[in-house]
Structures are given as structure tokens and as C-alpha cells.
Amino acid sequence: MMIEYLESIDIAIVQLVNGWNTPFLDEVMWIVSGRLTWVPLYVLLVYLAIRQSGWKVGLLFFFGAVISVVLADFISTQGMKEVIQRYRPSHNLAIKDHLHYYQIGWGDYYKGGMYGFVSSHAANFFAVATFSISFLIDYKKWLNPLLIGIAVLVSFSRIYLGVHYFSDVFVGGLVGMLVALAIYRFIFLPLHRKMMKSA
């Protein structure tokens, strides 16, 4: 009963957010949802790490962020999506025909893969945000809100595009945060401290 109630909330949210569609927002959310869109952000983060602590620590940051994303992505796809096999809104027979989709070609619409729990986009972006926030403490006043805002925006875009429920992105975000925190706390924090002492 509780699961059905939570699912009804998920459906209501995706229908509400997806219902806000306009041609302009379609393009914006498609760009926001694109992984290559954020390459300049990743370059900026590595630059800030180098500026904060030097080239060696900058490389340490880069590898830590990459490992966080790779692990978060693996857990969200192989460890959860393929195991739980919950259909995306775009593949849910009860609502798929009532949603609006982004047109990627003539008669072709973006609907994502079959399964959506959890969102890899949310897991990956929250992993990057969490690892960066933990590492780049010199810039926290402006960087932390920026990274959290971007992760939330990307997650929102997945709901808007009709390919994820709120619970998909919420749990995906938690997965990304926990993975990044664990990797930073137990692997990269000791290495970071050791490198700073020897510098």
C-alpha cells in the first residue's frame, strides 16, 4: 500500500514537471542533461584544485573525481538499474503515452533506456559535486552553491524530459554523495594530507 502511494506521488510529480514543456525549455533541458555540456566545469574544477594546492594535488583531485563518478555510475547502472528493473516513466505503459518527449530526429524521440531506478545522471553529478566540495575548501563560498545547483538542475532536467521519477533522481543523488564521501574520506583525504605535509 505504501509503495503504491509513493509511486502515485512519483507519477504525479513527473507528469506535473513534464507538463511544463515548451519548445524553449525542451532545448534548455536537453542541453542541461547532456554530459558534454559540463566539460568546461570539469576543467574549471581541476584548475581550481591545481591553483589551491599545486599540480600533484590537482592530479590527485582529478583521479579522485573520476573514480567517484565511475563507481557511482557502476553502482547506479549495474548494481541497481539492472537488478531492480523499474521501468522509466517513458516506458511505463500506464503513463508513457501521456508524457511529452524531446524530439531528437524526424519521428524519433528521446526516451532513455528501459530501466530508470536509479538515475545515473543524478548519481554522477552529485558524486562530482560532493567530491569537489570536500576537496576544494578554498572556494566553498561560491563553489558549493554552484555545484549543488548544477546537480539539482541536471536531476530536474531528467524529470522534465520524462525519463526519470523524482525517487530515481533522489536516490541516485544519495548514491553519488555517499560514494564520493566514502572515497574521499577513506582514500583521498589521507593521501591529500600526506602530500600537503611533504610539500
N, C-alpha and C. Protein backbone atom coordinates (compact mmCIF):
# COMPACT_ATOMS: atom_id res chain seq x y z
N MET A 1 0.83 -1.20 0.00
CA MET A 1 0.00 0.00 0.00
C MET A 1 0.87 1.25 0.00
N MET A 2 1.88 1.25 0.85
CA MET A 2 2.78 2.39 0.95
C MET A 2 3.54 2.58 -0.37
N ILE A 3 3.98 1.46 -0.97
CA ILE A 3 4.71 1.54 -2.23
C ILE A 3 3.83 2.13 -3.33
N GLU A 4 2.56 1.72 -3.37
CA GLU A 4 1.63 2.25 -4.36
C GLU A 4 1.41 3.74 -4.16
N TYR A 5 1.34 4.16 -2.90
CA TYR A 5 1.15 5.58 -2.59
C TYR A 5 2.36 6.39 -3.04
N LEU A 6 3.56 5.88 -2.74
CA LEU A 6 4.78 6.58 -3.16
C LEU A 6 4.90 6.63 -4.67
N GLU A 7 4.49 5.55 -5.33
CA GLU A 7 4.54 5.53 -6.79
C GLU A 7 3.56 6.53 -7.39
N SER A 8 2.42 6.70 -6.74
CA SER A 8 1.44 7.68 -7.24
C SER A 8 1.99 9.10 -7.12
N ILE A 9 2.77 9.36 -6.07
CA ILE A 9 3.41 10.67 -5.92
C ILE A 9 4.45 10.86 -7.01
N ASP A 10 5.24 9.83 -7.26
CA ASP A 10 6.24 9.87 -8.33
C ASP A 10 5.59 10.20 -9.67
N ILE A 11 4.50 9.53 -9.96
CA ILE A 11 3.81 9.74 -11.24
C ILE A 11 3.25 11.16 -11.32
N ALA A 12 2.69 11.64 -10.22
CA ALA A 12 2.12 13.00 -10.20
C ALA A 12 3.21 14.04 -10.44
N ILE A 13 4.39 13.83 -9.84
CA ILE A 13 5.48 14.79 -9.98
C ILE A 13 6.01 14.81 -11.41
N VAL A 14 6.24 13.64 -11.99
CA VAL A 14 6.79 13.61 -13.35
C VAL A 14 5.78 14.18 -14.35
N GLN A 15 4.51 13.93 -14.14
CA GLN A 15 3.50 14.49 -15.04
C GLN A 15 3.40 16.00 -14.89
N LEU A 16 3.54 16.48 -13.67
CA LEU A 16 3.50 17.93 -13.42
C LEU A 16 4.68 18.62 -14.07
N VAL A 17 5.89 18.16 -13.77
CA VAL A 17 7.11 18.80 -14.28
C VAL A 17 7.20 18.66 -15.80
N ASN A 18 6.92 17.48 -16.30
CA ASN A 18 6.95 17.24 -17.75
C ASN A 18 5.89 18.08 -18.47
N GLY A 19 4.81 18.38 -17.76
CA GLY A 19 3.73 19.18 -18.34
C GLY A 19 4.07 20.64 -18.52
N TRP A 20 5.19 21.08 -17.94
CA TRP A 20 5.62 22.47 -18.10
C TRP A 20 6.33 22.69 -19.44
N ASN A 21 6.35 21.70 -20.30
CA ASN A 21 7.16 21.75 -21.51
C ASN A 21 6.79 22.90 -22.44
N THR A 22 7.83 23.50 -22.98
CA THR A 22 7.73 24.48 -24.05
C THR A 22 8.89 24.19 -25.00
N PRO A 23 8.83 24.63 -26.25
CA PRO A 23 9.96 24.41 -27.16
C PRO A 23 11.28 24.96 -26.61
N PHE A 24 11.22 26.12 -25.95
CA PHE A 24 12.43 26.71 -25.39
C PHE A 24 12.99 25.86 -24.26
N LEU A 25 12.12 25.48 -23.31
CA LEU A 25 12.57 24.66 -22.18
C LEU A 25 13.05 23.30 -22.64
N ASP A 26 12.43 22.76 -23.68
CA ASP A 26 12.89 21.48 -24.23
C ASP A 26 14.37 21.56 -24.60
N GLU A 27 14.74 22.62 -25.30
CA GLU A 27 16.13 22.78 -25.73
C GLU A 27 17.05 23.00 -24.54
N VAL A 28 16.61 23.83 -23.60
CA VAL A 28 17.43 24.12 -22.41
C VAL A 28 17.68 22.85 -21.61
N MET A 29 16.62 22.10 -21.33
CA MET A 29 16.76 20.89 -20.52
C MET A 29 17.54 19.79 -21.23
N TRP A 30 17.44 19.74 -22.56
CA TRP A 30 18.22 18.78 -23.32
C TRP A 30 19.70 19.10 -23.20
N ILE A 31 20.04 20.39 -23.27
CA ILE A 31 21.44 20.82 -23.12
C ILE A 31 21.93 20.56 -21.70
N VAL A 32 21.10 20.92 -20.72
CA VAL A 32 21.45 20.70 -19.32
C VAL A 32 21.72 19.23 -19.05
N SER A 33 20.93 18.37 -19.66
CA SER A 33 21.03 16.93 -19.44
C SER A 33 22.21 16.30 -20.16
N GLY A 34 22.80 17.01 -21.12
CA GLY A 34 23.93 16.48 -21.88
C GLY A 34 25.20 16.40 -21.07
N ARG A 35 25.88 15.30 -21.14
CA ARG A 35 27.11 15.11 -20.35
C ARG A 35 28.23 16.01 -20.84
N LEU A 36 28.35 16.21 -22.16
CA LEU A 36 29.43 17.04 -22.70
C LEU A 36 29.24 18.52 -22.38
N THR A 37 28.02 18.90 -22.04
CA THR A 37 27.73 20.29 -21.69
C THR A 37 28.63 20.78 -20.57
N TRP A 38 28.96 19.88 -19.65
CA TRP A 38 29.63 20.27 -18.42
C TRP A 38 31.14 20.05 -18.44
N VAL A 39 31.71 19.74 -19.60
CA VAL A 39 33.16 19.59 -19.70
C VAL A 39 33.90 20.85 -19.22
N PRO A 40 33.46 22.06 -19.60
CA PRO A 40 34.14 23.26 -19.07
C PRO A 40 34.13 23.33 -17.54
N LEU A 41 33.06 22.84 -16.92
CA LEU A 41 33.01 22.81 -15.46
C LEU A 41 34.08 21.89 -14.90
N TYR A 42 34.26 20.72 -15.51
CA TYR A 42 35.26 19.78 -15.02
C TYR A 42 36.67 20.37 -15.16
N VAL A 43 36.89 21.05 -16.27
CA VAL A 43 38.20 21.71 -16.47
C VAL A 43 38.41 22.77 -15.40
N LEU A 44 37.37 23.54 -15.09
CA LEU A 44 37.46 24.57 -14.04
C LEU A 44 37.80 23.94 -12.70
N LEU A 45 37.17 22.83 -12.36
CA LEU A 45 37.41 22.18 -11.07
C LEU A 45 38.85 21.71 -10.94
N VAL A 46 39.38 21.13 -12.01
CA VAL A 46 40.79 20.70 -11.98
C VAL A 46 41.71 21.91 -11.84
N TYR A 47 41.38 22.97 -12.56
CA TYR A 47 42.17 24.21 -12.45
C TYR A 47 42.16 24.75 -11.02
N LEU A 48 41.00 24.75 -10.39
CA LEU A 48 40.89 25.24 -9.01
C LEU A 48 41.69 24.36 -8.05
N ALA A 49 41.69 23.06 -8.29
CA ALA A 49 42.47 22.14 -7.44
C ALA A 49 43.95 22.43 -7.58
N ILE A 50 44.40 22.66 -8.81
CA ILE A 50 45.82 22.99 -9.05
C ILE A 50 46.16 24.33 -8.42
N ARG A 51 45.28 25.29 -8.58
CA ARG A 51 45.51 26.62 -8.01
C ARG A 51 45.53 26.57 -6.48
N GLN A 52 44.71 25.72 -5.91
CA GLN A 52 44.63 25.62 -4.45
C GLN A 52 45.87 24.97 -3.85
N SER A 53 46.35 23.88 -4.49
CA SER A 53 47.40 23.11 -3.83
C SER A 53 48.54 22.63 -4.73
N GLY A 54 48.54 23.02 -6.01
CA GLY A 54 49.64 22.61 -6.88
C GLY A 54 49.26 21.47 -7.81
N TRP A 55 50.19 21.17 -8.75
CA TRP A 55 49.92 20.17 -9.78
C TRP A 55 49.69 18.77 -9.24
N LYS A 56 50.48 18.34 -8.28
CA LYS A 56 50.34 16.98 -7.76
C LYS A 56 48.99 16.76 -7.10
N VAL A 57 48.58 17.73 -6.30
CA VAL A 57 47.28 17.62 -5.64
C VAL A 57 46.15 17.77 -6.66
N GLY A 58 46.40 18.59 -7.69
CA GLY A 58 45.42 18.73 -8.76
C GLY A 58 45.16 17.41 -9.48
N LEU A 59 46.24 16.67 -9.73
CA LEU A 59 46.10 15.35 -10.35
C LEU A 59 45.39 14.38 -9.41
N LEU A 60 45.69 14.50 -8.12
CA LEU A 60 45.02 13.66 -7.12
C LEU A 60 43.52 13.94 -7.14
N PHE A 61 43.17 15.20 -7.20
CA PHE A 61 41.75 15.58 -7.29
C PHE A 61 41.10 14.99 -8.53
N PHE A 62 41.78 15.11 -9.66
CA PHE A 62 41.24 14.60 -10.92
C PHE A 62 40.94 13.11 -10.84
N PHE A 63 41.91 12.34 -10.35
CA PHE A 63 41.73 10.90 -10.25
C PHE A 63 40.64 10.54 -9.24
N GLY A 64 40.57 11.29 -8.16
CA GLY A 64 39.54 11.04 -7.15
C GLY A 64 38.14 11.29 -7.69
N ALA A 65 38.01 12.39 -8.44
CA ALA A 65 36.71 12.72 -9.02
C ALA A 65 36.30 11.67 -10.05
N VAL A 66 37.25 11.24 -10.88
CA VAL A 66 36.96 10.23 -11.91
C VAL A 66 36.54 8.91 -11.26
N ILE A 67 37.27 8.49 -10.25
CA ILE A 67 36.95 7.24 -9.56
C ILE A 67 35.56 7.32 -8.91
N SER A 68 35.25 8.47 -8.32
CA SER A 68 33.93 8.67 -7.70
C SER A 68 32.82 8.51 -8.72
N VAL A 69 32.98 9.14 -9.89
CA VAL A 69 31.96 9.08 -10.92
C VAL A 69 31.84 7.66 -11.50
N VAL A 70 32.98 7.03 -11.77
CA VAL A 70 32.96 5.68 -12.33
C VAL A 70 32.26 4.71 -11.38
N LEU A 71 32.58 4.80 -10.10
CA LEU A 71 31.97 3.89 -9.13
C LEU A 71 30.49 4.20 -8.95
N ALA A 72 30.14 5.49 -8.87
CA ALA A 72 28.73 5.87 -8.73
C ALA A 72 27.94 5.40 -9.95
N ASP A 73 28.53 5.54 -11.13
CA ASP A 73 27.86 5.12 -12.36
C ASP A 73 27.68 3.60 -12.39
N PHE A 74 28.69 2.87 -11.97
CA PHE A 74 28.62 1.41 -11.95
C PHE A 74 27.54 0.93 -10.98
N ILE A 75 27.51 1.51 -9.80
CA ILE A 75 26.52 1.11 -8.80
C ILE A 75 25.11 1.43 -9.29
N SER A 76 24.95 2.61 -9.87
CA SER A 76 23.61 3.03 -10.30
C SER A 76 23.10 2.22 -11.49
N THR A 77 24.01 1.78 -12.37
CA THR A 77 23.57 1.02 -13.54
C THR A 77 23.56 -0.48 -13.28
N GLN A 78 24.73 -1.04 -13.05
CA GLN A 78 24.84 -2.50 -12.89
C GLN A 78 24.32 -2.97 -11.54
N GLY A 79 24.53 -2.15 -10.50
CA GLY A 79 24.13 -2.58 -9.17
C GLY A 79 22.68 -2.32 -8.83
N MET A 80 22.03 -1.39 -9.55
CA MET A 80 20.66 -1.04 -9.19
C MET A 80 19.70 -1.13 -10.38
N LYS A 81 19.97 -0.39 -11.45
CA LYS A 81 19.03 -0.42 -12.59
C LYS A 81 18.78 -1.82 -13.10
N GLU A 82 19.85 -2.55 -13.35
CA GLU A 82 19.72 -3.88 -13.94
C GLU A 82 19.21 -4.93 -12.94
N VAL A 83 19.34 -4.62 -11.65
CA VAL A 83 18.87 -5.56 -10.62
C VAL A 83 17.41 -5.28 -10.26
N ILE A 84 17.09 -4.01 -10.01
CA ILE A 84 15.74 -3.64 -9.59
C ILE A 84 14.77 -3.64 -10.77
N GLN A 85 15.24 -3.19 -11.93
CA GLN A 85 14.47 -3.20 -13.18
C GLN A 85 13.11 -2.50 -13.05
N ARG A 86 13.16 -1.28 -12.57
CA ARG A 86 11.95 -0.46 -12.52
C ARG A 86 11.87 0.35 -13.82
N TYR A 87 10.74 0.25 -14.50
CA TYR A 87 10.60 0.95 -15.76
C TYR A 87 10.63 2.47 -15.59
N ARG A 88 11.26 3.14 -16.53
CA ARG A 88 11.23 4.60 -16.57
C ARG A 88 9.79 5.06 -16.84
N PRO A 89 9.48 6.33 -16.53
CA PRO A 89 8.16 6.85 -16.89
C PRO A 89 7.90 6.70 -18.39
N SER A 90 8.95 6.89 -19.19
CA SER A 90 8.84 6.81 -20.64
C SER A 90 8.60 5.39 -21.15
N HIS A 91 8.72 4.40 -20.26
CA HIS A 91 8.47 3.01 -20.64
C HIS A 91 7.39 2.37 -19.77
N ASN A 92 6.75 3.20 -18.95
CA ASN A 92 5.66 2.73 -18.10
C ASN A 92 4.37 2.77 -18.93
N LEU A 93 3.80 1.63 -19.19
CA LEU A 93 2.63 1.54 -20.07
C LEU A 93 1.46 2.40 -19.59
N ALA A 94 1.40 2.65 -18.29
CA ALA A 94 0.26 3.39 -17.74
C ALA A 94 0.33 4.89 -18.05
N ILE A 95 1.56 5.42 -18.23
CA ILE A 95 1.67 6.88 -18.40
C ILE A 95 2.49 7.31 -19.61
N LYS A 96 3.19 6.39 -20.26
CA LYS A 96 4.14 6.78 -21.29
C LYS A 96 3.51 7.58 -22.44
N ASP A 97 2.27 7.29 -22.74
CA ASP A 97 1.59 7.99 -23.84
C ASP A 97 1.04 9.34 -23.43
N HIS A 98 1.17 9.67 -22.15
CA HIS A 98 0.67 10.95 -21.65
C HIS A 98 1.81 11.93 -21.35
N LEU A 99 3.01 11.56 -21.71
CA LEU A 99 4.17 12.41 -21.46
C LEU A 99 4.67 13.04 -22.75
N HIS A 100 5.39 14.14 -22.58
CA HIS A 100 6.00 14.85 -23.71
C HIS A 100 7.48 14.48 -23.76
N TYR A 101 7.99 14.22 -24.96
CA TYR A 101 9.39 13.81 -25.11
C TYR A 101 10.15 14.74 -26.05
N TYR A 102 11.44 14.81 -25.81
CA TYR A 102 12.30 15.64 -26.65
C TYR A 102 12.54 14.96 -27.99
N GLN A 103 12.31 15.69 -29.07
CA GLN A 103 12.48 15.13 -30.41
C GLN A 103 13.93 15.22 -30.85
N ILE A 104 14.55 14.08 -31.08
CA ILE A 104 15.96 14.04 -31.46
C ILE A 104 16.14 13.80 -32.95
N GLY A 105 15.06 13.54 -33.64
CA GLY A 105 15.12 13.32 -35.09
C GLY A 105 13.72 13.25 -35.64
N TRP A 106 13.59 13.09 -36.94
CA TRP A 106 12.27 13.03 -37.56
C TRP A 106 11.52 11.79 -37.08
N GLY A 107 10.49 12.04 -36.27
CA GLY A 107 9.70 10.94 -35.73
C GLY A 107 10.39 10.14 -34.66
N ASP A 108 11.54 10.63 -34.17
CA ASP A 108 12.31 9.90 -33.16
C ASP A 108 12.41 10.75 -31.90
N TYR A 109 12.08 10.15 -30.77
CA TYR A 109 12.04 10.88 -29.50
C TYR A 109 12.93 10.22 -28.46
N TYR A 110 13.51 11.06 -27.61
CA TYR A 110 14.40 10.54 -26.56
C TYR A 110 13.56 9.99 -25.41
N LYS A 111 13.76 8.71 -25.12
CA LYS A 111 13.03 8.07 -24.03
C LYS A 111 13.93 7.32 -23.06
N GLY A 112 15.24 7.35 -23.30
CA GLY A 112 16.17 6.68 -22.41
C GLY A 112 16.09 5.16 -22.51
N GLY A 113 16.87 4.50 -21.68
CA GLY A 113 16.85 3.04 -21.64
C GLY A 113 15.58 2.53 -20.95
N MET A 114 15.47 1.24 -20.84
CA MET A 114 14.25 0.63 -20.30
C MET A 114 14.06 0.94 -18.82
N TYR A 115 15.14 0.85 -18.04
CA TYR A 115 15.02 0.95 -16.58
C TYR A 115 15.61 2.27 -16.06
N GLY A 116 15.03 2.78 -14.96
CA GLY A 116 15.43 4.11 -14.50
C GLY A 116 15.80 4.26 -13.04
N PHE A 117 15.64 3.21 -12.24
CA PHE A 117 15.97 3.35 -10.81
C PHE A 117 17.31 2.68 -10.52
N VAL A 118 18.35 3.52 -10.29
CA VAL A 118 18.32 4.95 -10.03
C VAL A 118 18.90 5.73 -11.21
N SER A 119 18.79 7.07 -11.11
CA SER A 119 19.32 7.93 -12.17
C SER A 119 20.84 8.00 -12.12
N SER A 120 21.48 7.58 -13.19
CA SER A 120 22.95 7.67 -13.27
C SER A 120 23.39 9.12 -13.38
N HIS A 121 22.60 9.95 -14.08
CA HIS A 121 22.93 11.37 -14.17
C HIS A 121 23.01 11.98 -12.76
N ALA A 122 21.99 11.72 -11.95
CA ALA A 122 21.98 12.26 -10.59
C ALA A 122 23.14 11.71 -9.77
N ALA A 123 23.38 10.42 -9.86
CA ALA A 123 24.48 9.81 -9.12
C ALA A 123 25.82 10.41 -9.52
N ASN A 124 26.05 10.56 -10.82
CA ASN A 124 27.33 11.06 -11.31
C ASN A 124 27.55 12.52 -10.94
N PHE A 125 26.54 13.35 -11.12
CA PHE A 125 26.71 14.78 -10.85
C PHE A 125 26.80 15.07 -9.36
N PHE A 126 26.07 14.33 -8.54
CA PHE A 126 26.20 14.52 -7.10
C PHE A 126 27.52 13.96 -6.59
N ALA A 127 28.05 12.95 -7.26
CA ALA A 127 29.38 12.44 -6.91
C ALA A 127 30.44 13.50 -7.18
N VAL A 128 30.38 14.12 -8.36
CA VAL A 128 31.33 15.19 -8.69
C VAL A 128 31.20 16.35 -7.71
N ALA A 129 29.96 16.76 -7.45
CA ALA A 129 29.72 17.89 -6.56
C ALA A 129 30.24 17.59 -5.15
N THR A 130 29.95 16.41 -4.63
CA THR A 130 30.34 16.06 -3.26
C THR A 130 31.85 15.94 -3.12
N PHE A 131 32.50 15.28 -4.08
CA PHE A 131 33.96 15.14 -4.02
C PHE A 131 34.63 16.51 -4.12
N SER A 132 34.12 17.35 -4.99
CA SER A 132 34.70 18.68 -5.19
C SER A 132 34.51 19.56 -3.96
N ILE A 133 33.32 19.50 -3.38
CA ILE A 133 33.05 20.28 -2.17
C ILE A 133 33.96 19.84 -1.03
N SER A 134 34.21 18.55 -0.93
CA SER A 134 35.08 18.02 0.12
C SER A 134 36.53 18.45 -0.08
N PHE A 135 36.93 18.54 -1.33
CA PHE A 135 38.34 18.78 -1.69
C PHE A 135 38.68 20.26 -1.82
N LEU A 136 37.82 21.02 -2.48
CA LEU A 136 38.14 22.40 -2.83
C LEU A 136 37.58 23.38 -1.80
N ILE A 137 38.13 23.33 -0.60
CA ILE A 137 37.58 24.12 0.51
C ILE A 137 37.90 25.61 0.39
N ASP A 138 38.91 25.98 -0.40
CA ASP A 138 39.27 27.40 -0.54
C ASP A 138 38.22 28.20 -1.28
N TYR A 139 37.34 27.52 -2.02
CA TYR A 139 36.37 28.23 -2.86
C TYR A 139 34.93 27.93 -2.47
N LYS A 140 34.75 27.45 -1.23
CA LYS A 140 33.45 26.92 -0.84
C LYS A 140 32.32 27.95 -0.85
N LYS A 141 32.63 29.25 -0.63
CA LYS A 141 31.58 30.26 -0.55
C LYS A 141 30.77 30.37 -1.84
N TRP A 142 31.44 30.26 -2.97
CA TRP A 142 30.72 30.37 -4.25
C TRP A 142 30.64 29.03 -5.00
N LEU A 143 31.61 28.16 -4.75
CA LEU A 143 31.64 26.90 -5.50
C LEU A 143 30.59 25.90 -5.01
N ASN A 144 30.41 25.80 -3.70
CA ASN A 144 29.46 24.83 -3.16
C ASN A 144 28.03 25.07 -3.67
N PRO A 145 27.51 26.31 -3.58
CA PRO A 145 26.16 26.55 -4.11
C PRO A 145 26.08 26.28 -5.62
N LEU A 146 27.15 26.63 -6.35
CA LEU A 146 27.16 26.40 -7.79
C LEU A 146 27.06 24.91 -8.12
N LEU A 147 27.87 24.09 -7.45
CA LEU A 147 27.89 22.65 -7.73
C LEU A 147 26.58 21.98 -7.33
N ILE A 148 26.06 22.35 -6.17
CA ILE A 148 24.79 21.78 -5.73
C ILE A 148 23.67 22.19 -6.68
N GLY A 149 23.69 23.46 -7.08
CA GLY A 149 22.68 23.96 -8.01
C GLY A 149 22.71 23.22 -9.34
N ILE A 150 23.92 22.96 -9.87
CA ILE A 150 24.05 22.25 -11.13
C ILE A 150 23.56 20.81 -11.00
N ALA A 151 23.94 20.15 -9.91
CA ALA A 151 23.50 18.76 -9.70
C ALA A 151 21.98 18.67 -9.60
N VAL A 152 21.37 19.63 -8.91
CA VAL A 152 19.91 19.65 -8.78
C VAL A 152 19.27 19.95 -10.13
N LEU A 153 19.85 20.90 -10.88
CA LEU A 153 19.31 21.25 -12.19
C LEU A 153 19.35 20.08 -13.16
N VAL A 154 20.48 19.36 -13.17
CA VAL A 154 20.60 18.19 -14.04
C VAL A 154 19.56 17.14 -13.65
N SER A 155 19.40 16.92 -12.36
CA SER A 155 18.41 15.95 -11.88
C SER A 155 17.00 16.37 -12.29
N PHE A 156 16.73 17.66 -12.15
CA PHE A 156 15.42 18.19 -12.55
C PHE A 156 15.17 17.97 -14.04
N SER A 157 16.22 18.16 -14.83
CA SER A 157 16.08 18.00 -16.29
C SER A 157 15.67 16.58 -16.67
N ARG A 158 16.10 15.61 -15.88
CA ARG A 158 15.76 14.22 -16.16
C ARG A 158 14.27 13.95 -15.93
N ILE A 159 13.71 14.61 -14.93
CA ILE A 159 12.27 14.51 -14.68
C ILE A 159 11.52 15.25 -15.78
N TYR A 160 11.99 16.45 -16.10
CA TYR A 160 11.35 17.25 -17.14
C TYR A 160 11.28 16.50 -18.47
N LEU A 161 12.36 15.81 -18.82
CA LEU A 161 12.42 15.08 -20.08
C LEU A 161 11.56 13.81 -20.08
N GLY A 162 11.01 13.47 -18.92
CA GLY A 162 10.11 12.32 -18.83
C GLY A 162 10.80 10.98 -18.73
N VAL A 163 12.09 10.98 -18.39
CA VAL A 163 12.83 9.72 -18.36
C VAL A 163 13.17 9.25 -16.94
N HIS A 164 12.78 10.04 -15.93
CA HIS A 164 13.02 9.62 -14.54
C HIS A 164 11.92 10.13 -13.63
N TYR A 165 11.68 9.37 -12.59
CA TYR A 165 10.81 9.81 -11.50
C TYR A 165 11.65 10.59 -10.49
N PHE A 166 10.96 11.29 -9.59
CA PHE A 166 11.66 12.02 -8.52
C PHE A 166 12.48 11.06 -7.66
N SER A 167 11.91 9.91 -7.33
CA SER A 167 12.63 8.95 -6.49
C SER A 167 13.89 8.44 -7.18
N ASP A 168 13.87 8.36 -8.52
CA ASP A 168 15.06 7.93 -9.26
C ASP A 168 16.22 8.89 -9.03
N VAL A 169 15.92 10.18 -9.16
CA VAL A 169 17.00 11.18 -9.03
C VAL A 169 17.37 11.42 -7.57
N PHE A 170 16.39 11.29 -6.68
CA PHE A 170 16.67 11.50 -5.25
C PHE A 170 17.61 10.42 -4.72
N VAL A 171 17.27 9.17 -4.98
CA VAL A 171 18.12 8.07 -4.51
C VAL A 171 19.44 8.06 -5.29
N GLY A 172 19.39 8.37 -6.57
CA GLY A 172 20.63 8.48 -7.35
C GLY A 172 21.57 9.51 -6.78
N GLY A 173 21.02 10.66 -6.38
CA GLY A 173 21.83 11.69 -5.75
C GLY A 173 22.46 11.21 -4.46
N LEU A 174 21.70 10.49 -3.65
CA LEU A 174 22.23 9.94 -2.40
C LEU A 174 23.36 8.95 -2.67
N VAL A 175 23.18 8.11 -3.68
CA VAL A 175 24.22 7.15 -4.04
C VAL A 175 25.51 7.88 -4.42
N GLY A 176 25.39 8.89 -5.26
CA GLY A 176 26.56 9.65 -5.68
C GLY A 176 27.26 10.33 -4.51
N MET A 177 26.48 10.91 -3.62
CA MET A 177 27.05 11.60 -2.45
C MET A 177 27.78 10.62 -1.54
N LEU A 178 27.14 9.49 -1.24
CA LEU A 178 27.75 8.51 -0.33
C LEU A 178 29.02 7.90 -0.92
N VAL A 179 29.00 7.62 -2.22
CA VAL A 179 30.18 7.06 -2.88
C VAL A 179 31.33 8.05 -2.81
N ALA A 180 31.06 9.30 -3.18
CA ALA A 180 32.11 10.32 -3.18
C ALA A 180 32.66 10.59 -1.78
N LEU A 181 31.77 10.64 -0.80
CA LEU A 181 32.21 10.86 0.58
C LEU A 181 33.09 9.73 1.07
N ALA A 182 32.70 8.49 0.75
CA ALA A 182 33.49 7.33 1.18
C ALA A 182 34.86 7.33 0.52
N ILE A 183 34.90 7.59 -0.78
CA ILE A 183 36.17 7.60 -1.49
C ILE A 183 37.08 8.71 -0.98
N TYR A 184 36.51 9.88 -0.75
CA TYR A 184 37.33 10.99 -0.25
C TYR A 184 37.82 10.70 1.17
N ARG A 185 36.90 10.27 2.03
CA ARG A 185 37.24 10.11 3.45
C ARG A 185 38.25 8.99 3.68
N PHE A 186 38.10 7.87 3.01
CA PHE A 186 38.92 6.71 3.34
C PHE A 186 40.13 6.51 2.41
N ILE A 187 40.14 7.19 1.26
CA ILE A 187 41.26 7.02 0.34
C ILE A 187 42.00 8.32 0.08
N PHE A 188 41.27 9.34 -0.35
CA PHE A 188 41.95 10.55 -0.82
C PHE A 188 42.26 11.57 0.26
N LEU A 189 41.50 11.59 1.33
CA LEU A 189 41.83 12.51 2.42
C LEU A 189 43.18 12.18 3.05
N PRO A 190 43.46 10.90 3.37
CA PRO A 190 44.80 10.57 3.89
C PRO A 190 45.92 10.91 2.90
N LEU A 191 45.70 10.64 1.61
CA LEU A 191 46.69 10.96 0.59
C LEU A 191 46.88 12.47 0.47
N HIS A 192 45.77 13.20 0.53
CA HIS A 192 45.82 14.66 0.43
C HIS A 192 46.64 15.24 1.59
N ARG A 193 46.37 14.76 2.80
CA ARG A 193 47.10 15.24 3.98
C ARG A 193 48.58 14.93 3.88
N LYS A 194 48.87 13.71 3.42
CA LYS A 194 50.27 13.28 3.29
C LYS A 194 51.02 14.15 2.27
N MET A 195 50.37 14.44 1.15
CA MET A 195 51.02 15.26 0.13
C MET A 195 51.21 16.69 0.61
N MET A 196 50.26 17.21 1.36
CA MET A 196 50.38 18.59 1.86
C MET A 196 51.49 18.71 2.88
N LYS A 197 51.69 17.67 3.69
CA LYS A 197 52.77 17.70 4.69
C LYS A 197 54.15 17.64 4.06
N SER A 198 54.24 16.88 2.95
CA SER A 198 55.54 16.72 2.30
C SER A 198 55.86 17.88 1.36
N ALA A 199 54.86 18.74 1.12
CA ALA A 199 55.07 19.85 0.17
C ALA A 199 55.95 20.93 0.78
